[in-house]
């Protein structure tokens, strides 16, 4: 498995057999489209989100603290993609082994961080709705900060070996930045594949559980108006959709490459197909940083109000307009009531005279 290289060599280790397949010749003109869109849309969306969190939110809650860490995770991928896009367009890597290792570290740390933080966000929402008296629903900001430190340590620790191994291959000006380059990386290959599969399957099961339990609980208890049920479900649905679109394809192709290379290494045609699919799927993997601002809007009413209030009047959100309309109606109603009271007092004064 490699990271978006036009010509992809078959890994030489990591399975029960050794493949003798030729390098995968993968030339796709539009392969840079998703990374480029991710950088443009991701930078735009996350810079706006960062500006709102830093300068527009007057008070932070636990939910917003989780979302802010998701923004930090998105910037990891946005820092790594420009070098990867340059390598795609050139067809080779020119930035040296050190930057290659850092680039790959940021790329995979973003994947792990996005998955972990979206899962934490969904679990927190689940406890707030289904178990409102649980300590997890009432933890302080300090406790949430400590928990996030532990989460980040769990995210980064398995990826540290990326920084301690060489990932470039080639000679002269045709060096490639690869994740797996030689048989000495067998342990790293196996660990990476296990992480890729487990960090999708386990969080996906937890996300689906949270979404189903929140929906069934609100409907059984008939709590509040139907809009409350829809709002709670929109949050979970947004997270699940982003999760599936961005991370399911890479998980499937990683399993495919792993199985074929381990149990049928001579099937070069099928192996090459899965390598190509992996390269395309990684473009969707990158896209999570561009889609995460949608999660911010659905997950935080404070963020949504701050965003709406920052837009020009003709672009204001419908809810903002409704609030303004309700405020105007309330003012008009109060004004009418005051006029009526004054009129009644005047009439009473005339009658007394």
Protein backbone atom coordinates (compact mmCIF):
# COMPACT_ATOMS: atom_id res chain seq x y z
CA UNK A 1 0.00 0.00 0.00
CA UNK A 2 1.27 3.46 -0.78
CA UNK A 3 0.10 7.00 -0.52
CA UNK A 4 -0.98 8.38 -3.84
CA UNK A 5 1.93 7.67 -6.15
CA UNK A 6 1.50 7.55 -9.92
CA UNK A 7 3.65 4.41 -10.07
CA UNK A 8 3.11 2.07 -7.18
CA UNK A 9 5.56 -0.74 -6.40
CA UNK A 10 4.27 -3.91 -4.84
CA UNK A 11 5.21 -4.17 -1.13
CA UNK A 12 7.93 -6.73 -0.59
CA UNK A 13 6.88 -7.88 2.83
CA UNK A 14 3.99 -8.20 5.21
CA UNK A 15 2.43 -11.46 4.07
CA UNK A 16 2.93 -15.14 4.06
CA UNK A 17 4.29 -15.09 0.53
CA UNK A 18 6.41 -12.85 -1.63
CA UNK A 19 4.89 -11.15 -4.65
CA UNK A 20 6.69 -11.04 -7.97
CA UNK A 21 4.17 -8.70 -9.57
CA UNK A 22 5.50 -5.76 -11.63
CA UNK A 23 5.00 -2.19 -10.41
CA UNK A 24 1.48 -0.80 -10.70
CA UNK A 25 1.35 1.75 -13.50
CA UNK A 26 -1.34 4.14 -12.35
CA UNK A 27 -1.84 7.28 -14.39
CA UNK A 28 -5.06 9.12 -13.64
CA UNK A 29 -5.36 12.74 -14.64
CA UNK A 30 -8.02 13.57 -12.07
CA UNK A 31 -6.27 11.88 -9.14
CA UNK A 32 -5.30 15.27 -7.68
CA UNK A 33 -8.84 16.66 -7.83
CA UNK A 34 -10.02 15.50 -4.39
CA UNK A 35 -6.81 16.54 -2.57
CA UNK A 36 -6.94 19.97 -4.23
CA UNK A 37 -10.64 20.39 -3.37
CA UNK A 38 -9.90 19.27 0.19
CA UNK A 39 -7.19 21.91 0.60
CA UNK A 40 -9.38 24.69 -0.84
CA UNK A 41 -12.65 23.79 0.90
CA UNK A 42 -10.96 22.47 4.04
CA UNK A 43 -8.89 25.61 4.57
CA UNK A 44 -11.87 27.86 3.92
CA UNK A 45 -14.25 25.96 6.19
CA UNK A 46 -11.81 25.36 9.03
CA UNK A 47 -10.37 28.89 9.04
CA UNK A 48 -13.92 30.25 9.34
CA UNK A 49 -14.65 27.70 12.07
CA UNK A 50 -11.44 28.60 13.93
CA UNK A 51 -12.28 32.31 13.69
CA UNK A 52 -15.77 31.69 15.10
CA UNK A 53 -14.48 29.54 17.96
CA UNK A 54 -11.76 32.04 18.88
CA UNK A 55 -13.53 35.37 18.39
CA UNK A 56 -17.30 34.85 18.18
CA UNK A 57 -18.22 32.33 20.87
CA UNK A 58 -18.66 34.15 24.17
CA UNK A 59 -18.79 30.94 26.19
CA UNK A 60 -17.49 27.45 25.50
CA UNK A 61 -19.17 24.23 26.55
CA UNK A 62 -17.84 20.66 26.51
CA UNK A 63 -19.33 20.01 23.08
CA UNK A 64 -17.49 22.99 21.58
CA UNK A 65 -14.24 21.85 23.21
CA UNK A 66 -14.52 18.52 21.36
CA UNK A 67 -15.28 20.33 18.09
CA UNK A 68 -12.28 22.63 18.51
CA UNK A 69 -10.00 19.59 18.79
CA UNK A 70 -11.57 18.25 15.60
CA UNK A 71 -10.48 21.48 13.88
CA UNK A 72 -6.91 20.87 15.09
CA UNK A 73 -7.06 17.36 13.63
CA UNK A 74 -8.22 18.76 10.29
CA UNK A 75 -5.26 21.11 10.10
CA UNK A 76 -2.95 18.08 10.33
CA UNK A 77 -4.16 16.82 6.95
CA UNK A 78 -4.27 20.31 5.47
CA UNK A 79 -0.57 20.73 6.30
CA UNK A 80 0.38 17.40 4.73
CA UNK A 81 -1.64 17.58 1.50
CA UNK A 82 0.26 20.34 -0.38
CA UNK A 83 3.44 18.21 -0.44
CA UNK A 84 1.42 15.17 -1.50
CA UNK A 85 -0.26 17.13 -4.31
CA UNK A 86 3.15 18.34 -5.54
CA UNK A 87 4.41 14.75 -5.59
CA UNK A 88 1.34 13.71 -7.56
CA UNK A 89 1.84 16.36 -10.21
CA UNK A 90 5.60 15.76 -10.55
CA UNK A 91 5.36 11.99 -10.37
CA UNK A 92 8.12 11.82 -7.75
CA UNK A 93 9.12 13.18 -4.31
CA UNK A 94 11.63 16.06 -3.97
CA UNK A 95 11.39 16.98 -0.28
CA UNK A 96 13.68 14.37 1.29
CA UNK A 97 13.12 11.50 3.70
CA UNK A 98 12.52 13.68 6.77
CA UNK A 99 9.58 15.56 5.29
CA UNK A 100 8.29 12.31 3.80
CA UNK A 101 8.08 10.78 7.29
CA UNK A 102 6.47 13.91 8.76
CA UNK A 103 3.99 14.08 5.88
CA UNK A 104 2.90 10.48 6.39
CA UNK A 105 2.73 10.94 10.17
CA UNK A 106 0.40 13.94 9.80
CA UNK A 107 -1.72 12.14 7.22
CA UNK A 108 -2.39 9.04 9.31
CA UNK A 109 -2.64 10.96 12.59
CA UNK A 110 -5.44 13.00 11.02
CA UNK A 111 -7.36 9.86 10.11
CA UNK A 112 -7.06 8.44 13.62
CA UNK A 113 -7.82 11.78 15.29
CA UNK A 114 -10.90 12.50 13.16
CA UNK A 115 -12.33 9.05 13.86
CA UNK A 116 -11.60 9.21 17.60
CA UNK A 117 -12.95 12.74 18.11
CA UNK A 118 -16.14 12.15 16.11
CA UNK A 119 -16.72 9.02 18.20
CA UNK A 120 -16.19 10.92 21.46
CA UNK A 121 -18.58 13.62 20.25
CA UNK A 122 -21.30 11.06 19.46
CA UNK A 123 -20.82 9.27 22.80
CA UNK A 124 -21.08 12.57 24.67
CA UNK A 125 -24.29 13.39 22.81
CA UNK A 126 -25.62 9.90 23.69
CA UNK A 127 -25.02 10.37 27.42
CA UNK A 128 -26.51 13.88 27.41
CA UNK A 129 -29.72 12.57 25.87
CA UNK A 130 -30.12 9.02 27.21
CA UNK A 131 -28.27 9.25 30.54
CA UNK A 132 -28.46 12.93 31.57
CA UNK A 133 -27.62 12.17 35.21
CA UNK A 134 -24.46 10.20 34.43
CA UNK A 135 -21.17 11.84 35.50
CA UNK A 136 -20.02 11.87 31.86
CA UNK A 137 -22.87 14.27 31.07
CA UNK A 138 -21.78 16.66 33.83
CA UNK A 139 -18.00 16.57 33.60
CA UNK A 140 -16.17 19.86 33.94
CA UNK A 141 -14.12 21.51 31.22
CA UNK A 142 -10.97 20.54 33.10
CA UNK A 143 -12.03 16.87 33.11
CA UNK A 144 -12.86 17.08 29.40
CA UNK A 145 -9.42 18.60 28.72
CA UNK A 146 -7.71 15.75 30.60
CA UNK A 147 -9.74 13.22 28.63
CA UNK A 148 -8.74 14.88 25.35
CA UNK A 149 -5.06 14.71 26.33
CA UNK A 150 -5.44 10.95 26.85
CA UNK A 151 -7.26 10.63 23.50
CA UNK A 152 -4.48 12.48 21.66
CA UNK A 153 -1.82 10.30 23.31
CA UNK A 154 -3.69 7.17 22.19
CA UNK A 155 -3.93 8.62 18.67
CA UNK A 156 -0.29 9.66 18.28
CA UNK A 157 1.51 6.80 20.06
CA UNK A 158 0.86 4.07 17.43
CA UNK A 159 1.95 6.48 14.66
CA UNK A 160 5.31 7.46 16.18
CA UNK A 161 7.16 4.57 14.39
CA UNK A 162 6.38 6.35 11.11
CA UNK A 163 8.81 9.09 12.17
CA UNK A 164 11.58 6.62 13.02
CA UNK A 165 11.64 4.69 9.72
CA UNK A 166 12.74 5.56 6.21
CA UNK A 167 9.93 5.83 3.65
CA UNK A 168 11.64 7.07 0.49
CA UNK A 169 12.71 4.81 -2.36
CA UNK A 170 14.41 5.41 -5.69
CA UNK A 171 17.52 7.05 -7.05
CA UNK A 172 18.41 10.39 -8.51
CA UNK A 173 15.48 12.73 -9.01
CA UNK A 174 12.90 9.92 -9.17
CA UNK A 175 12.53 9.32 -5.43
CA UNK A 176 9.12 8.20 -4.18
CA UNK A 177 7.63 8.78 -0.72
CA UNK A 178 6.16 5.41 0.23
CA UNK A 179 4.73 4.02 3.40
CA UNK A 180 6.11 0.49 2.97
CA UNK A 181 9.43 0.13 1.15
CA UNK A 182 11.24 -2.98 2.36
CA UNK A 183 10.87 -6.24 4.26
CA UNK A 184 12.24 -4.68 7.45
CA UNK A 185 8.89 -2.88 7.76
CA UNK A 186 6.84 -6.05 8.18
CA UNK A 187 5.88 -5.18 11.78
CA UNK A 188 4.98 -1.63 10.76
CA UNK A 189 2.92 -2.90 7.84
CA UNK A 190 0.96 -5.31 10.04
CA UNK A 191 0.36 -2.71 12.77
CA UNK A 192 -0.83 -0.15 10.23
CA UNK A 193 -3.29 -2.55 8.63
CA UNK A 194 -4.67 -3.68 11.98
CA UNK A 195 -5.13 -0.07 13.09
CA UNK A 196 -6.80 0.89 9.81
CA UNK A 197 -9.39 -1.86 10.22
CA UNK A 198 -9.99 -1.67 13.99
CA UNK A 199 -10.17 2.13 14.18
CA UNK A 200 -13.01 1.99 11.67
CA UNK A 201 -15.01 -1.06 12.76
CA UNK A 202 -15.11 -0.35 16.52
CA UNK A 203 -16.00 3.39 16.26
CA UNK A 204 -18.53 2.63 13.50
CA UNK A 205 -20.32 0.16 15.79
CA UNK A 206 -20.32 2.74 18.59
CA UNK A 207 -21.64 5.49 16.30
CA UNK A 208 -24.49 3.33 15.05
CA UNK A 209 -25.33 2.27 18.62
CA UNK A 210 -25.46 5.91 19.78
CA UNK A 211 -27.62 6.98 16.84
CA UNK A 212 -30.10 4.11 17.26
CA UNK A 213 -30.35 4.51 21.05
CA UNK A 214 -30.87 8.27 20.89
CA UNK A 215 -33.61 7.89 18.30
CA UNK A 216 -35.44 5.09 20.13
CA UNK A 217 -35.12 6.77 23.53
CA UNK A 218 -36.56 10.09 22.38
CA UNK A 219 -39.43 8.39 20.58
CA UNK A 220 -40.27 6.09 23.50
CA UNK A 221 -40.16 8.87 26.05
CA UNK A 222 -41.93 11.31 23.70
CA UNK A 223 -39.69 14.02 25.05
CA UNK A 224 -40.38 17.49 23.78
CA UNK A 225 -41.43 18.40 20.29
CA UNK A 226 -40.63 16.33 17.18
CA UNK A 227 -38.08 19.01 16.26
CA UNK A 228 -35.94 17.98 19.25
CA UNK A 229 -35.89 14.41 18.00
CA UNK A 230 -34.95 15.58 14.51
CA UNK A 231 -32.19 17.85 15.86
CA UNK A 232 -30.61 15.07 17.94
CA UNK A 233 -30.77 12.69 15.00
CA UNK A 234 -29.28 15.25 12.59
CA UNK A 235 -26.13 15.38 14.71
CA UNK A 236 -25.66 11.60 14.73
CA UNK A 237 -26.64 11.27 11.07
CA UNK A 238 -24.13 13.95 10.00
CA UNK A 239 -21.33 12.20 11.89
CA UNK A 240 -22.22 8.73 10.53
CA UNK A 241 -22.49 10.00 6.92
CA UNK A 242 -19.11 11.80 7.04
CA UNK A 243 -17.61 8.73 8.71
CA UNK A 244 -18.91 6.30 6.08
CA UNK A 245 -18.06 8.45 3.04
CA UNK A 246 -14.52 9.27 4.14
CA UNK A 247 -13.27 6.16 5.96
CA UNK A 248 -15.18 3.11 4.71
CA UNK A 249 -13.52 2.97 1.24
CA UNK A 250 -9.95 2.97 2.60
CA UNK A 251 -10.86 0.29 5.13
CA UNK A 252 -12.31 -1.99 2.44
CA UNK A 253 -9.38 -1.54 0.06
CA UNK A 254 -6.84 -2.04 2.85
CA UNK A 255 -8.48 -5.34 3.76
CA UNK A 256 -8.48 -6.31 0.07
CA UNK A 257 -4.77 -5.56 -0.39
CA UNK A 258 -3.96 -7.37 2.86
CA UNK A 259 -5.92 -10.52 2.00
CA UNK A 260 -4.66 -10.82 -1.58
CA UNK A 261 -1.03 -10.16 -0.70
CA UNK A 262 -1.17 -12.65 2.19
CA UNK A 263 -3.11 -15.52 0.65
CA UNK A 264 -2.85 -15.14 -3.12
CA UNK A 265 0.30 -13.10 -3.89
CA UNK A 266 0.53 -14.34 -7.48
CA UNK A 267 -2.84 -12.80 -8.45
CA UNK A 268 -1.27 -9.63 -9.83
CA UNK A 269 -4.35 -8.40 -11.71
CA UNK A 270 -6.61 -8.38 -8.64
CA UNK A 271 -3.83 -6.97 -6.46
CA UNK A 272 -3.20 -4.11 -8.89
CA UNK A 273 -6.92 -3.29 -8.98
CA UNK A 274 -7.06 -2.99 -5.20
CA UNK A 275 -3.91 -0.84 -5.13
CA UNK A 276 -5.51 1.54 -7.63
CA UNK A 277 -8.75 1.58 -5.64
CA UNK A 278 -6.74 2.36 -2.51
CA UNK A 279 -5.17 5.37 -4.20
CA UNK A 280 -8.60 6.67 -5.21
CA UNK A 281 -10.12 5.89 -1.80
CA UNK A 282 -7.44 7.89 -0.03
CA UNK A 283 -8.79 10.97 -1.81
CA UNK A 284 -12.08 10.42 0.06
CA UNK A 285 -10.08 9.87 3.24
CA UNK A 286 -8.64 13.37 2.83
CA UNK A 287 -12.08 14.84 2.22
CA UNK A 288 -13.10 14.53 5.88
CA UNK A 289 -11.40 17.83 6.74
CA UNK A 290 -13.59 19.61 4.17
CA UNK A 291 -16.79 17.93 5.41
CA UNK A 292 -16.18 18.38 9.15
CA UNK A 293 -17.54 21.98 9.19
CA UNK A 294 -20.93 20.39 8.41
CA UNK A 295 -20.57 18.44 11.65
CA UNK A 296 -19.81 21.70 13.52
CA UNK A 297 -23.04 23.27 12.26
CA UNK A 298 -25.21 20.27 13.18
CA UNK A 299 -23.48 19.61 16.52
CA UNK A 300 -23.39 23.07 18.06
CA UNK A 301 -26.29 25.52 18.12
CA UNK A 302 -23.87 28.12 19.56
CA UNK A 303 -21.59 27.69 16.55
CA UNK A 304 -24.53 27.91 14.15
CA UNK A 305 -25.85 31.12 15.75
CA UNK A 306 -22.39 32.68 15.72
CA UNK A 307 -21.94 31.72 12.06
CA UNK A 308 -25.35 33.10 11.10
CA UNK A 309 -24.77 36.37 12.95
CA UNK A 310 -21.46 36.83 11.11
CA UNK A 311 -23.00 36.54 7.63
CA UNK A 312 -24.33 39.50 5.62
CA UNK A 313 -28.04 40.14 6.13
CA UNK A 314 -29.06 38.65 2.78
CA UNK A 315 -27.22 35.42 3.64
CA UNK A 316 -28.54 35.10 7.19
CA UNK A 317 -29.77 31.65 8.22
CA UNK A 318 -33.47 30.95 8.24
CA UNK A 319 -33.39 30.40 11.99
CA UNK A 320 -31.74 33.76 12.48
CA UNK A 321 -34.43 35.40 10.42
CA UNK A 322 -37.11 33.59 12.37
CA UNK A 323 -35.58 34.73 15.64
CA UNK A 324 -35.48 38.29 14.38
CA UNK A 325 -39.09 38.02 13.26
CA UNK A 326 -40.14 36.63 16.65
CA UNK A 327 -38.24 39.41 18.43
CA UNK A 328 -39.88 42.04 16.23
CA UNK A 329 -43.32 40.56 16.86
CA UNK A 330 -42.66 40.49 20.58
CA UNK A 331 -41.58 44.14 20.58
CA UNK A 332 -44.61 45.11 18.53
CA UNK A 333 -46.87 43.16 20.89
CA UNK A 334 -45.33 44.83 23.94
CA UNK A 335 -45.69 48.21 22.29
CA UNK A 336 -49.37 47.57 21.49
CA UNK A 337 -50.02 46.39 25.03
CA UNK A 338 -48.41 49.51 26.47
CA UNK A 339 -50.52 51.72 24.21
CA UNK A 340 -53.68 49.89 25.28
CA UNK A 341 -52.78 50.31 28.95
CA UNK A 342 -52.17 54.02 28.47
CA UNK A 343 -55.50 54.37 26.65
CA UNK A 344 -57.34 52.51 29.45
CA UNK A 345 -55.72 54.71 32.08
CA UNK A 346 -56.71 57.82 30.15
CA UNK A 347 -60.32 56.59 29.87
CA UNK A 348 -60.45 55.88 33.59
CA UNK A 349 -59.09 59.36 34.30
CA UNK A 350 -61.80 60.93 32.11
CA UNK A 351 -64.48 58.87 33.84
CA UNK A 352 -63.21 59.95 37.26
CA UNK A 353 -63.44 63.55 36.20
